[in-house]
Amino acid sequence: MSMKWDVFRPREMARCDPVVEAIEKKEKAIERFAPREYRSERERFYYNYRIMPLYRGRLLTFLETVSKRERLKDNPATQGRELFLTLRNFYDPRRKASPEAIANDPGFRRKFKEVYRYFYNRECPLFEEIADWFLRAGS
């Protein structure tokens, strides 16, 4: 009787997930334009979330927003607002934090600035303006 070990089975099953495949496609698209010196940071702080089922959909939405770099050139304010909302949904999937808490959170401010650095190699637009817009919009 031969013994068969499915050592690689979980990874193969994960690849059959259409969301994981879409995430991998977005990662490849982003890696074409994103700065290479921040590749390890993107892997550690963002791409790594693909292994957690709760974050897969949110990660895909986040990566889709990040991949719209044309909008960053055409309308940076709109892109900044969309990134702010997407990042909020990514890090607060159950929406436990109030809009005021998010707008005043120094950790969220740092993460928002890091998105611009890690994905676009740019300085972040004024976080305070986007946070004020967020509070006025009542999201």
N, C-alpha and C. Protein backbone atom coordinates (compact mmCIF):
# COMPACT_ATOMS: atom_id res chain seq x y z
N MET A 1 0.85 -1.17 0.00
CA MET A 1 0.00 0.00 0.00
C MET A 1 0.90 1.24 0.00
N SER A 2 0.70 2.11 -0.93
CA SER A 2 1.52 3.31 -1.01
C SER A 2 0.87 4.45 -0.21
N MET A 3 1.74 5.24 0.33
CA MET A 3 1.28 6.35 1.15
C MET A 3 1.42 7.63 0.34
N LYS A 4 0.36 8.41 0.28
CA LYS A 4 0.39 9.64 -0.51
C LYS A 4 0.19 10.82 0.43
N TRP A 5 1.14 11.72 0.43
CA TRP A 5 1.06 12.90 1.28
C TRP A 5 0.75 14.10 0.41
N ASP A 6 -0.26 14.82 0.77
CA ASP A 6 -0.62 16.02 0.03
C ASP A 6 0.03 17.24 0.69
N VAL A 7 1.32 17.31 0.56
CA VAL A 7 2.07 18.39 1.18
C VAL A 7 1.72 19.73 0.51
N PHE A 8 1.54 19.72 -0.78
CA PHE A 8 1.31 20.96 -1.50
C PHE A 8 -0.17 21.22 -1.78
N ARG A 9 -1.02 20.43 -1.28
CA ARG A 9 -2.45 20.54 -1.56
C ARG A 9 -3.07 21.87 -1.11
N PRO A 10 -2.82 22.37 0.09
CA PRO A 10 -3.47 23.62 0.48
C PRO A 10 -3.13 24.79 -0.44
N ARG A 11 -1.90 24.89 -0.87
CA ARG A 11 -1.52 25.98 -1.76
C ARG A 11 -2.20 25.84 -3.12
N GLU A 12 -2.31 24.62 -3.62
CA GLU A 12 -3.00 24.40 -4.88
C GLU A 12 -4.46 24.79 -4.76
N MET A 13 -5.07 24.47 -3.64
CA MET A 13 -6.47 24.81 -3.44
C MET A 13 -6.63 26.33 -3.35
N ALA A 14 -5.68 27.00 -2.72
CA ALA A 14 -5.76 28.45 -2.60
C ALA A 14 -5.67 29.10 -3.98
N ARG A 15 -4.91 28.53 -4.86
CA ARG A 15 -4.78 29.10 -6.21
C ARG A 15 -6.07 28.93 -7.00
N CYS A 16 -6.90 27.99 -6.64
CA CYS A 16 -8.17 27.81 -7.34
C CYS A 16 -9.18 28.89 -6.96
N ASP A 17 -8.91 29.61 -5.90
CA ASP A 17 -9.79 30.68 -5.46
C ASP A 17 -9.68 31.84 -6.45
N PRO A 18 -10.79 32.27 -7.06
CA PRO A 18 -10.70 33.35 -8.05
C PRO A 18 -10.25 34.68 -7.45
N VAL A 19 -10.53 34.92 -6.18
CA VAL A 19 -10.09 36.16 -5.55
C VAL A 19 -8.58 36.16 -5.40
N VAL A 20 -8.00 35.03 -5.01
CA VAL A 20 -6.55 34.93 -4.87
C VAL A 20 -5.89 35.12 -6.23
N GLU A 21 -6.46 34.54 -7.27
CA GLU A 21 -5.91 34.72 -8.61
C GLU A 21 -5.98 36.18 -9.04
N ALA A 22 -7.10 36.85 -8.74
CA ALA A 22 -7.23 38.27 -9.08
C ALA A 22 -6.24 39.11 -8.31
N ILE A 23 -6.00 38.76 -7.05
CA ILE A 23 -5.01 39.47 -6.24
C ILE A 23 -3.62 39.32 -6.85
N GLU A 24 -3.28 38.11 -7.27
CA GLU A 24 -1.96 37.87 -7.88
C GLU A 24 -1.80 38.66 -9.18
N LYS A 25 -2.87 38.78 -9.96
CA LYS A 25 -2.80 39.56 -11.19
C LYS A 25 -2.58 41.04 -10.88
N LYS A 26 -3.28 41.54 -9.87
CA LYS A 26 -3.11 42.95 -9.49
C LYS A 26 -1.71 43.20 -8.95
N GLU A 27 -1.19 42.25 -8.18
CA GLU A 27 0.18 42.38 -7.67
C GLU A 27 1.17 42.50 -8.83
N LYS A 28 1.01 41.66 -9.83
CA LYS A 28 1.93 41.71 -10.98
C LYS A 28 1.80 43.03 -11.72
N ALA A 29 0.58 43.54 -11.85
CA ALA A 29 0.38 44.82 -12.53
C ALA A 29 1.02 45.95 -11.74
N ILE A 30 0.87 45.92 -10.43
CA ILE A 30 1.44 46.96 -9.57
C ILE A 30 2.96 46.89 -9.59
N GLU A 31 3.51 45.70 -9.59
CA GLU A 31 4.96 45.55 -9.57
C GLU A 31 5.63 46.08 -10.84
N ARG A 32 4.85 46.29 -11.89
CA ARG A 32 5.42 46.87 -13.11
C ARG A 32 5.78 48.33 -12.93
N PHE A 33 5.02 49.05 -12.09
CA PHE A 33 5.28 50.48 -11.93
C PHE A 33 5.76 50.88 -10.54
N ALA A 34 5.56 50.05 -9.56
CA ALA A 34 5.92 50.41 -8.18
C ALA A 34 7.44 50.39 -8.00
N PRO A 35 7.95 51.23 -7.10
CA PRO A 35 9.40 51.27 -6.88
C PRO A 35 9.94 49.95 -6.32
N ARG A 36 11.00 49.47 -6.89
CA ARG A 36 11.56 48.17 -6.50
C ARG A 36 12.14 48.17 -5.10
N GLU A 37 12.63 49.30 -4.64
CA GLU A 37 13.25 49.32 -3.31
C GLU A 37 12.26 49.07 -2.19
N TYR A 38 10.95 49.19 -2.48
CA TYR A 38 9.94 48.94 -1.45
C TYR A 38 9.19 47.63 -1.66
N ARG A 39 9.71 46.76 -2.48
CA ARG A 39 9.05 45.47 -2.75
C ARG A 39 8.83 44.66 -1.48
N SER A 40 9.83 44.58 -0.63
CA SER A 40 9.69 43.77 0.59
C SER A 40 8.66 44.38 1.53
N GLU A 41 8.56 45.69 1.59
CA GLU A 41 7.55 46.33 2.43
C GLU A 41 6.14 46.05 1.91
N ARG A 42 5.97 46.11 0.60
CA ARG A 42 4.65 45.80 0.04
C ARG A 42 4.27 44.36 0.35
N GLU A 43 5.23 43.47 0.22
CA GLU A 43 4.96 42.05 0.50
C GLU A 43 4.58 41.84 1.97
N ARG A 44 5.34 42.47 2.85
CA ARG A 44 5.11 42.30 4.29
C ARG A 44 3.82 42.94 4.77
N PHE A 45 3.58 44.17 4.35
CA PHE A 45 2.49 44.95 4.93
C PHE A 45 1.18 44.86 4.15
N TYR A 46 1.19 44.39 2.91
CA TYR A 46 -0.04 44.37 2.13
C TYR A 46 -0.31 43.03 1.48
N TYR A 47 0.60 42.56 0.61
CA TYR A 47 0.35 41.33 -0.13
C TYR A 47 0.18 40.13 0.80
N ASN A 48 0.79 40.17 1.94
CA ASN A 48 0.73 39.07 2.88
C ASN A 48 -0.69 38.79 3.38
N TYR A 49 -1.57 39.76 3.29
CA TYR A 49 -2.94 39.59 3.77
C TYR A 49 -3.75 38.63 2.90
N ARG A 50 -3.24 38.24 1.75
CA ARG A 50 -3.98 37.33 0.88
C ARG A 50 -4.20 35.96 1.52
N ILE A 51 -3.43 35.63 2.55
CA ILE A 51 -3.59 34.32 3.19
C ILE A 51 -4.74 34.32 4.20
N MET A 52 -5.28 35.50 4.52
CA MET A 52 -6.35 35.60 5.51
C MET A 52 -7.69 35.81 4.80
N PRO A 53 -8.61 34.86 4.92
CA PRO A 53 -9.87 34.96 4.18
C PRO A 53 -10.66 36.24 4.44
N LEU A 54 -10.64 36.76 5.65
CA LEU A 54 -11.37 37.98 5.96
C LEU A 54 -10.88 39.17 5.15
N TYR A 55 -9.60 39.18 4.81
CA TYR A 55 -9.00 40.34 4.14
C TYR A 55 -8.88 40.20 2.63
N ARG A 56 -9.18 39.06 2.07
CA ARG A 56 -8.94 38.86 0.64
C ARG A 56 -9.72 39.83 -0.23
N GLY A 57 -11.00 39.96 0.01
CA GLY A 57 -11.80 40.88 -0.79
C GLY A 57 -11.37 42.32 -0.61
N ARG A 58 -11.07 42.68 0.63
CA ARG A 58 -10.62 44.05 0.91
C ARG A 58 -9.25 44.32 0.30
N LEU A 59 -8.39 43.32 0.32
CA LEU A 59 -7.08 43.48 -0.31
C LEU A 59 -7.22 43.68 -1.81
N LEU A 60 -8.09 42.92 -2.43
CA LEU A 60 -8.32 43.08 -3.86
C LEU A 60 -8.83 44.49 -4.18
N THR A 61 -9.77 44.98 -3.39
CA THR A 61 -10.28 46.34 -3.59
C THR A 61 -9.17 47.36 -3.41
N PHE A 62 -8.36 47.17 -2.38
CA PHE A 62 -7.25 48.08 -2.13
C PHE A 62 -6.26 48.08 -3.29
N LEU A 63 -5.90 46.90 -3.77
CA LEU A 63 -4.94 46.80 -4.88
C LEU A 63 -5.52 47.38 -6.17
N GLU A 64 -6.82 47.23 -6.39
CA GLU A 64 -7.45 47.84 -7.55
C GLU A 64 -7.36 49.36 -7.47
N THR A 65 -7.56 49.91 -6.29
CA THR A 65 -7.47 51.36 -6.11
C THR A 65 -6.03 51.83 -6.32
N VAL A 66 -5.08 51.11 -5.77
CA VAL A 66 -3.68 51.49 -5.91
C VAL A 66 -3.24 51.41 -7.37
N SER A 67 -3.78 50.46 -8.11
CA SER A 67 -3.34 50.27 -9.49
C SER A 67 -3.84 51.36 -10.43
N LYS A 68 -4.72 52.22 -9.98
CA LYS A 68 -5.23 53.32 -10.81
C LYS A 68 -4.29 54.52 -10.74
N ARG A 69 -3.10 54.35 -11.19
CA ARG A 69 -2.12 55.42 -11.06
C ARG A 69 -2.36 56.55 -12.06
N GLU A 70 -3.14 56.31 -13.13
CA GLU A 70 -3.46 57.40 -14.05
C GLU A 70 -4.25 58.48 -13.33
N ARG A 71 -5.14 58.04 -12.44
CA ARG A 71 -5.94 59.00 -11.68
C ARG A 71 -5.07 59.82 -10.74
N LEU A 72 -3.98 59.25 -10.30
CA LEU A 72 -3.06 59.98 -9.43
C LEU A 72 -2.48 61.18 -10.17
N LYS A 73 -2.25 61.03 -11.46
CA LYS A 73 -1.74 62.14 -12.26
C LYS A 73 -2.85 63.12 -12.63
N ASP A 74 -4.00 62.60 -13.04
CA ASP A 74 -5.10 63.44 -13.51
C ASP A 74 -5.81 64.18 -12.39
N ASN A 75 -6.15 63.45 -11.32
CA ASN A 75 -6.91 64.04 -10.24
C ASN A 75 -6.41 63.49 -8.90
N PRO A 76 -5.32 64.04 -8.38
CA PRO A 76 -4.74 63.49 -7.15
C PRO A 76 -5.64 63.60 -5.93
N ALA A 77 -6.51 64.61 -5.87
CA ALA A 77 -7.40 64.75 -4.71
C ALA A 77 -8.40 63.60 -4.66
N THR A 78 -8.98 63.27 -5.80
CA THR A 78 -9.94 62.16 -5.85
C THR A 78 -9.25 60.84 -5.52
N GLN A 79 -8.07 60.63 -6.07
CA GLN A 79 -7.33 59.41 -5.78
C GLN A 79 -6.97 59.33 -4.30
N GLY A 80 -6.57 60.44 -3.71
CA GLY A 80 -6.25 60.45 -2.28
C GLY A 80 -7.45 60.10 -1.43
N ARG A 81 -8.60 60.63 -1.77
CA ARG A 81 -9.83 60.32 -1.02
C ARG A 81 -10.21 58.85 -1.17
N GLU A 82 -10.12 58.35 -2.40
CA GLU A 82 -10.45 56.94 -2.61
C GLU A 82 -9.48 56.02 -1.87
N LEU A 83 -8.20 56.37 -1.89
CA LEU A 83 -7.23 55.58 -1.13
C LEU A 83 -7.52 55.64 0.37
N PHE A 84 -7.90 56.81 0.86
CA PHE A 84 -8.22 56.96 2.27
C PHE A 84 -9.36 56.02 2.65
N LEU A 85 -10.45 56.05 1.87
CA LEU A 85 -11.60 55.19 2.17
C LEU A 85 -11.27 53.71 2.03
N THR A 86 -10.51 53.38 1.01
CA THR A 86 -10.14 51.98 0.79
C THR A 86 -9.23 51.48 1.90
N LEU A 87 -8.30 52.32 2.31
CA LEU A 87 -7.39 51.93 3.39
C LEU A 87 -8.15 51.80 4.70
N ARG A 88 -9.11 52.66 4.91
CA ARG A 88 -9.94 52.56 6.12
C ARG A 88 -10.70 51.23 6.12
N ASN A 89 -11.31 50.87 5.00
CA ASN A 89 -12.03 49.60 4.92
C ASN A 89 -11.10 48.40 5.04
N PHE A 90 -9.88 48.56 4.59
CA PHE A 90 -8.90 47.48 4.66
C PHE A 90 -8.47 47.22 6.10
N TYR A 91 -8.14 48.27 6.83
CA TYR A 91 -7.64 48.10 8.19
C TYR A 91 -8.73 48.03 9.25
N ASP A 92 -9.94 48.41 8.91
CA ASP A 92 -11.05 48.35 9.86
C ASP A 92 -12.21 47.60 9.20
N PRO A 93 -12.04 46.29 8.95
CA PRO A 93 -13.03 45.55 8.16
C PRO A 93 -14.40 45.47 8.82
N ARG A 94 -14.46 45.57 10.12
CA ARG A 94 -15.76 45.50 10.81
C ARG A 94 -16.30 46.88 11.18
N ARG A 95 -15.58 47.91 10.76
CA ARG A 95 -15.96 49.31 10.98
C ARG A 95 -16.28 49.61 12.44
N LYS A 96 -15.38 49.22 13.30
CA LYS A 96 -15.53 49.48 14.73
C LYS A 96 -15.08 50.88 15.10
N ALA A 97 -14.13 51.43 14.37
CA ALA A 97 -13.59 52.75 14.69
C ALA A 97 -14.50 53.83 14.11
N SER A 98 -14.67 54.89 14.87
CA SER A 98 -15.48 56.01 14.40
C SER A 98 -14.69 56.83 13.39
N PRO A 99 -15.38 57.62 12.56
CA PRO A 99 -14.65 58.48 11.62
C PRO A 99 -13.69 59.45 12.32
N GLU A 100 -14.08 59.95 13.48
CA GLU A 100 -13.21 60.85 14.22
C GLU A 100 -11.94 60.14 14.68
N ALA A 101 -12.10 58.91 15.15
CA ALA A 101 -10.94 58.14 15.62
C ALA A 101 -9.98 57.87 14.47
N ILE A 102 -10.51 57.55 13.31
CA ILE A 102 -9.65 57.26 12.17
C ILE A 102 -8.94 58.53 11.70
N ALA A 103 -9.67 59.64 11.64
CA ALA A 103 -9.08 60.89 11.17
C ALA A 103 -7.99 61.40 12.10
N ASN A 104 -8.06 61.04 13.37
CA ASN A 104 -7.08 61.52 14.35
C ASN A 104 -6.06 60.48 14.75
N ASP A 105 -6.11 59.31 14.17
CA ASP A 105 -5.22 58.22 14.54
C ASP A 105 -3.84 58.39 13.88
N PRO A 106 -2.77 58.55 14.69
CA PRO A 106 -1.44 58.72 14.08
C PRO A 106 -0.97 57.46 13.35
N GLY A 107 -1.40 56.30 13.79
CA GLY A 107 -1.03 55.06 13.10
C GLY A 107 -1.64 54.98 11.71
N PHE A 108 -2.90 55.40 11.60
CA PHE A 108 -3.55 55.41 10.29
C PHE A 108 -2.90 56.45 9.38
N ARG A 109 -2.54 57.59 9.95
CA ARG A 109 -1.85 58.63 9.18
C ARG A 109 -0.54 58.09 8.61
N ARG A 110 0.22 57.36 9.44
CA ARG A 110 1.49 56.77 8.99
C ARG A 110 1.25 55.76 7.88
N LYS A 111 0.23 54.90 8.04
CA LYS A 111 -0.07 53.90 7.01
C LYS A 111 -0.48 54.55 5.69
N PHE A 112 -1.25 55.63 5.79
CA PHE A 112 -1.68 56.34 4.59
C PHE A 112 -0.48 56.91 3.85
N LYS A 113 0.44 57.49 4.59
CA LYS A 113 1.64 58.05 3.97
C LYS A 113 2.53 56.95 3.38
N GLU A 114 2.56 55.81 4.05
CA GLU A 114 3.37 54.70 3.55
C GLU A 114 2.83 54.14 2.24
N VAL A 115 1.52 54.19 2.04
CA VAL A 115 0.95 53.72 0.77
C VAL A 115 1.54 54.52 -0.38
N TYR A 116 1.61 55.84 -0.21
CA TYR A 116 2.17 56.67 -1.28
C TYR A 116 3.66 56.38 -1.48
N ARG A 117 4.37 56.15 -0.40
CA ARG A 117 5.80 55.88 -0.53
C ARG A 117 6.05 54.50 -1.14
N TYR A 118 5.38 53.48 -0.62
CA TYR A 118 5.65 52.11 -1.05
C TYR A 118 5.14 51.80 -2.46
N PHE A 119 4.04 52.42 -2.87
CA PHE A 119 3.45 52.09 -4.16
C PHE A 119 3.78 53.10 -5.26
N TYR A 120 3.96 54.38 -4.88
CA TYR A 120 4.19 55.41 -5.90
C TYR A 120 5.52 56.13 -5.75
N ASN A 121 6.22 55.93 -4.65
CA ASN A 121 7.47 56.63 -4.35
C ASN A 121 7.26 58.15 -4.39
N ARG A 122 6.17 58.58 -3.77
CA ARG A 122 5.80 59.99 -3.71
C ARG A 122 5.50 60.38 -2.28
N GLU A 123 5.52 61.67 -2.07
CA GLU A 123 5.07 62.19 -0.79
C GLU A 123 3.54 62.21 -0.81
N CYS A 124 2.98 61.97 0.33
CA CYS A 124 1.54 61.93 0.49
C CYS A 124 0.95 63.34 0.42
N PRO A 125 -0.23 63.50 -0.17
CA PRO A 125 -0.90 64.79 -0.09
C PRO A 125 -1.26 65.09 1.36
N LEU A 126 -1.72 66.25 1.61
CA LEU A 126 -2.02 66.63 2.99
C LEU A 126 -3.07 65.71 3.60
N PHE A 127 -2.66 64.96 4.57
CA PHE A 127 -3.55 64.03 5.24
C PHE A 127 -4.69 64.78 5.93
N GLU A 128 -4.40 65.92 6.49
CA GLU A 128 -5.39 66.69 7.25
C GLU A 128 -6.56 67.11 6.36
N GLU A 129 -6.28 67.52 5.12
CA GLU A 129 -7.35 67.91 4.21
C GLU A 129 -8.26 66.73 3.89
N ILE A 130 -7.67 65.58 3.65
CA ILE A 130 -8.46 64.39 3.33
C ILE A 130 -9.25 63.93 4.57
N ALA A 131 -8.63 64.01 5.74
CA ALA A 131 -9.33 63.63 6.97
C ALA A 131 -10.50 64.58 7.24
N ASP A 132 -10.32 65.88 6.99
CA ASP A 132 -11.42 66.83 7.16
C ASP A 132 -12.56 66.51 6.18
N TRP A 133 -12.21 66.21 4.94
CA TRP A 133 -13.23 65.82 3.97
C TRP A 133 -13.97 64.58 4.44
N PHE A 134 -13.23 63.63 4.98
CA PHE A 134 -13.82 62.39 5.47
C PHE A 134 -14.82 62.65 6.59
N LEU A 135 -14.45 63.55 7.51
CA LEU A 135 -15.35 63.87 8.62
C LEU A 135 -16.58 64.63 8.13
N ARG A 136 -16.41 65.53 7.17
CA ARG A 136 -17.56 66.28 6.63
C ARG A 136 -18.48 65.38 5.86
N ALA A 137 -17.92 64.40 5.16
CA ALA A 137 -18.75 63.49 4.35
C ALA A 137 -19.56 62.56 5.24
N GLY A 138 -19.15 62.40 6.48
CA GLY A 138 -19.89 61.56 7.43
C GLY A 138 -19.79 60.07 7.17
N SER A 139 -18.69 59.64 6.58
CA SER A 139 -18.52 58.22 6.26
C SER A 139 -18.34 57.42 7.50
